[in-house]
C-alpha atoms as a PDB file:
ATOM      1  CA  MET A   1      -0.007  -0.026   0.039  1.00  0.00           C
ATOM      2  CA  THR A   2       1.455   3.300  -1.063  1.00  0.00           C
ATOM      3  CA  ASN A   3       1.535   6.566   0.697  1.00  0.00           C
ATOM      4  CA  LEU A   4       0.831   8.474  -2.579  1.00  0.00           C
ATOM      5  CA  HIS A   5      -1.266  11.655  -2.667  1.00  0.00           C
ATOM      6  CA  GLU A   6      -2.619  13.380  -5.743  1.00  0.00           C
ATOM      7  CA  LEU A   7      -2.343  17.163  -5.372  1.00  0.00           C
ATOM      8  CA  THR A   8      -5.507  18.729  -6.964  1.00  0.00           C
ATOM      9  CA  THR A   9      -5.788  21.810  -4.930  1.00  0.00           C
ATOM     10  CA  GLU A  10      -3.389  24.428  -3.567  1.00  0.00           C
ATOM     11  CA  GLN A  11      -4.463  23.348  -0.047  1.00  0.00           C
ATOM     12  CA  ASP A  12      -3.273  19.798  -0.900  1.00  0.00           C
ATOM     13  CA  TRP A  13       0.083  21.214  -1.827  1.00  0.00           C
ATOM     14  CA  LYS A  14       0.290  23.253   1.322  1.00  0.00           C
ATOM     15  CA  LYS A  15      -0.340  20.196   3.447  1.00  0.00           C
ATOM     16  CA  VAL A  16       2.610  18.363   1.671  1.00  0.00           C
ATOM     17  CA  GLN A  17       4.768  21.390   1.958  1.00  0.00           C
ATOM     18  CA  GLU A  18       4.090  21.518   5.661  1.00  0.00           C
ATOM     19  CA  GLN A  19       5.234  17.813   5.961  1.00  0.00           C
ATOM     20  CA  ALA A  20       8.391  18.746   4.073  1.00  0.00           C
ATOM     21  CA  SER A  21       9.197  21.192   6.871  1.00  0.00           C
ATOM     22  CA  SER A  22      10.225  18.323   9.048  1.00  0.00           C
ATOM     23  CA  ASP A  23      13.319  16.153   8.721  1.00  0.00           C
ATOM     24  CA  LYS A  24      11.300  13.455   7.007  1.00  0.00           C
ATOM     25  CA  PRO A  25      11.823  13.576   3.252  1.00  0.00           C
ATOM     26  CA  VAL A  26       8.894  14.160   0.871  1.00  0.00           C
ATOM     27  CA  LEU A  27       8.930  13.268  -2.890  1.00  0.00           C
ATOM     28  CA  VAL A  28       6.781  15.320  -5.225  1.00  0.00           C
ATOM     29  CA  PHE A  29       6.335  14.392  -8.886  1.00  0.00           C
ATOM     30  CA  LYS A  30       4.964  16.752 -11.550  1.00  0.00           C
ATOM     31  CA  HIS A  31       3.273  14.600 -14.289  1.00  0.00           C
ATOM     32  CA  SER A  32       2.131  15.575 -17.731  1.00  0.00           C
ATOM     33  CA  THR A  33      -0.612  13.033 -18.718  1.00  0.00           C
ATOM     34  CA  SER A  34      -0.057  13.907 -22.385  1.00  0.00           C
ATOM     35  CA  CYS A  35       3.662  13.243 -22.619  1.00  0.00           C
ATOM     36  CA  PRO A  36       5.218   9.786 -23.278  1.00  0.00           C
ATOM     37  CA  ILE A  37       8.450  10.816 -21.469  1.00  0.00           C
ATOM     38  CA  SER A  38       6.364  11.682 -18.353  1.00  0.00           C
ATOM     39  CA  ALA A  39       4.532   8.395 -18.605  1.00  0.00           C
ATOM     40  CA  ASP A  40       7.898   6.509 -18.469  1.00  0.00           C
ATOM     41  CA  ALA A  41       9.108   8.758 -15.613  1.00  0.00           C
ATOM     42  CA  TYR A  42       5.802   8.164 -13.765  1.00  0.00           C
ATOM     43  CA  LYS A  43       6.437   4.401 -14.021  1.00  0.00           C
ATOM     44  CA  GLN A  44       9.846   4.910 -12.505  1.00  0.00           C
ATOM     45  CA  PHE A  45       8.436   6.966  -9.737  1.00  0.00           C
ATOM     46  CA  ASN A  46       5.780   4.387  -8.930  1.00  0.00           C
ATOM     47  CA  ALA A  47       8.297   1.486  -9.038  1.00  0.00           C
ATOM     48  CA  PHE A  48      10.350   3.434  -6.355  1.00  0.00           C
ATOM     49  CA  ILE A  49       7.412   4.188  -4.139  1.00  0.00           C
ATOM     50  CA  GLU A  50       6.467   0.447  -4.094  1.00  0.00           C
ATOM     51  CA  THR A  51       9.901  -0.380  -2.550  1.00  0.00           C
ATOM     52  CA  ASP A  52      10.493  -0.503   1.240  1.00  0.00           C
ATOM     53  CA  GLN A  53      12.330   2.705   1.058  1.00  0.00           C
ATOM     54  CA  GLY A  54       9.570   4.339  -0.971  1.00  0.00           C
ATOM     55  CA  GLN A  55       6.988   3.194   1.590  1.00  0.00           C
ATOM     56  CA  GLU A  56       8.813   5.175   4.222  1.00  0.00           C
ATOM     57  CA  LEU A  57       8.320   8.549   2.540  1.00  0.00           C
ATOM     58  CA  THR A  58       5.414  10.851   1.945  1.00  0.00           C
ATOM     59  CA  THR A  59       4.897  11.012  -1.798  1.00  0.00           C
ATOM     60  CA  ALA A  60       2.731  13.132  -3.950  1.00  0.00           C
ATOM     61  CA  TYR A  61       2.149  14.006  -7.540  1.00  0.00           C
ATOM     62  CA  VAL A  62       0.320  16.633  -9.513  1.00  0.00           C
ATOM     63  CA  LYS A  63      -1.126  16.273 -13.007  1.00  0.00           C
ATOM     64  CA  VAL A  64       0.274  19.563 -14.619  1.00  0.00           C
ATOM     65  CA  ILE A  65      -2.435  19.975 -17.245  1.00  0.00           C
ATOM     66  CA  GLU A  66      -5.461  19.028 -15.053  1.00  0.00           C
ATOM     67  CA  SER A  67      -4.182  20.918 -11.986  1.00  0.00           C
ATOM     68  CA  ARG A  68      -2.358  23.728 -13.570  1.00  0.00           C
ATOM     69  CA  PRO A  69      -2.741  26.262 -10.656  1.00  0.00           C
ATOM     70  CA  VAL A  70      -1.224  23.668  -8.270  1.00  0.00           C
ATOM     71  CA  SER A  71       1.652  22.992 -10.632  1.00  0.00           C
ATOM     72  CA  ASN A  72       2.330  26.698 -10.937  1.00  0.00           C
ATOM     73  CA  GLN A  73       2.119  27.249  -7.196  1.00  0.00           C
ATOM     74  CA  ILE A  74       4.800  24.452  -6.630  1.00  0.00           C
ATOM     75  CA  ALA A  75       7.121  26.119  -9.131  1.00  0.00           C
ATOM     76  CA  GLU A  76       6.493  29.561  -7.456  1.00  0.00           C
ATOM     77  CA  ASP A  77       6.954  28.266  -3.851  1.00  0.00           C
ATOM     78  CA  LEU A  78      10.025  26.183  -4.605  1.00  0.00           C
ATOM     79  CA  ASP A  79      11.533  28.918  -6.839  1.00  0.00           C
ATOM     80  CA  VAL A  80      12.251  26.487  -9.629  1.00  0.00           C
ATOM     81  CA  VAL A  81      11.543  26.612 -13.392  1.00  0.00           C
ATOM     82  CA  HIS A  82       8.611  24.451 -14.253  1.00  0.00           C
ATOM     83  CA  LYS A  83       9.376  21.275 -16.186  1.00  0.00           C
ATOM     84  CA  SER A  84       7.354  18.029 -16.784  1.00  0.00           C
ATOM     85  CA  PRO A  85       8.014  15.540 -15.905  1.00  0.00           C
ATOM     86  CA  GLN A  86       9.913  16.840 -12.862  1.00  0.00           C
ATOM     87  CA  ILE A  87      10.652  15.348  -9.408  1.00  0.00           C
ATOM     88  CA  PHE A  88      11.644  17.011  -6.140  1.00  0.00           C
ATOM     89  CA  LEU A  89      12.953  15.699  -2.959  1.00  0.00           C
ATOM     90  CA  LEU A  90      11.996  18.158  -0.161  1.00  0.00           C
ATOM     91  CA  GLN A  91      13.321  18.123   3.373  1.00  0.00           C
ATOM     92  CA  ASN A  92      13.424  20.749   6.057  1.00  0.00           C
ATOM     93  CA  GLY A  93      11.417  22.986   3.866  1.00  0.00           C
ATOM     94  CA  GLU A  94      13.737  23.191   0.958  1.00  0.00           C
ATOM     95  CA  VAL A  95      14.580  21.299  -2.304  1.00  0.00           C
ATOM     96  CA  LYS A  96      17.382  18.841  -1.600  1.00  0.00           C
ATOM     97  CA  TRP A  97      17.320  17.341  -5.076  1.00  0.00           C
ATOM     98  CA  THR A  98      15.420  17.794  -8.349  1.00  0.00           C
ATOM     99  CA  GLU A  99      15.492  16.055 -11.733  1.00  0.00           C
ATOM    100  CA  SER A 100      13.490  15.942 -14.915  1.00  0.00           C
ATOM    101  CA  HIS A 101      12.677  14.057 -18.058  1.00  0.00           C
ATOM    102  CA  TRP A 102      14.630  10.893 -18.747  1.00  0.00           C
ATOM    103  CA  ASN A 103      16.821  11.481 -15.676  1.00  0.00           C
ATOM    104  CA  ILE A 104      13.873  10.413 -13.451  1.00  0.00           C
ATOM    105  CA  THR A 105      14.589   6.777 -12.677  1.00  0.00           C
ATOM    106  CA  GLN A 106      14.127   4.487  -9.756  1.00  0.00           C
ATOM    107  CA  GLU A 107      17.914   4.426  -9.329  1.00  0.00           C
ATOM    108  CA  SER A 108      18.226   8.215  -9.473  1.00  0.00           C
ATOM    109  CA  ILE A 109      15.631   8.555  -6.755  1.00  0.00           C
ATOM    110  CA  GLU A 110      17.464   5.990  -4.608  1.00  0.00           C
ATOM    111  CA  LYS A 111      20.771   7.668  -5.038  1.00  0.00           C
ATOM    112  CA  ALA A 112      19.329  11.041  -4.149  1.00  0.00           C
ATOM    113  CA  LEU A 113      17.961   9.672  -0.799  1.00  0.00           C
ATOM    114  CA  GLN A 114      21.398   8.207   0.019  1.00  0.00           C
ATOM    115  CA  SER A 115      23.138  11.553  -0.274  1.00  0.00           C
END
């Protein structure tokens, strides 16, 4: 059973952002439902969250087309240029790691959590 939350409102995002203020890492994935690269990255993201390590994290995703205001708010709050697909590792209220497109793999996520 995963701990995956879809962010459909800015309030959903604020809740996840508050969780990221603690020392427990939070993974957030920005997903374009019309992009084949994003579909592959989403599979990699889901493969990771099904692992034991993934089960220990709070994980969330936003569909960038369907929930554009939330996607825009994430980019603004994190002070990052929007990309999709895009993944963020948040901890202590800041971005500890981010990656996009083909660089989003189960292995890259695992490595980011080790550092």
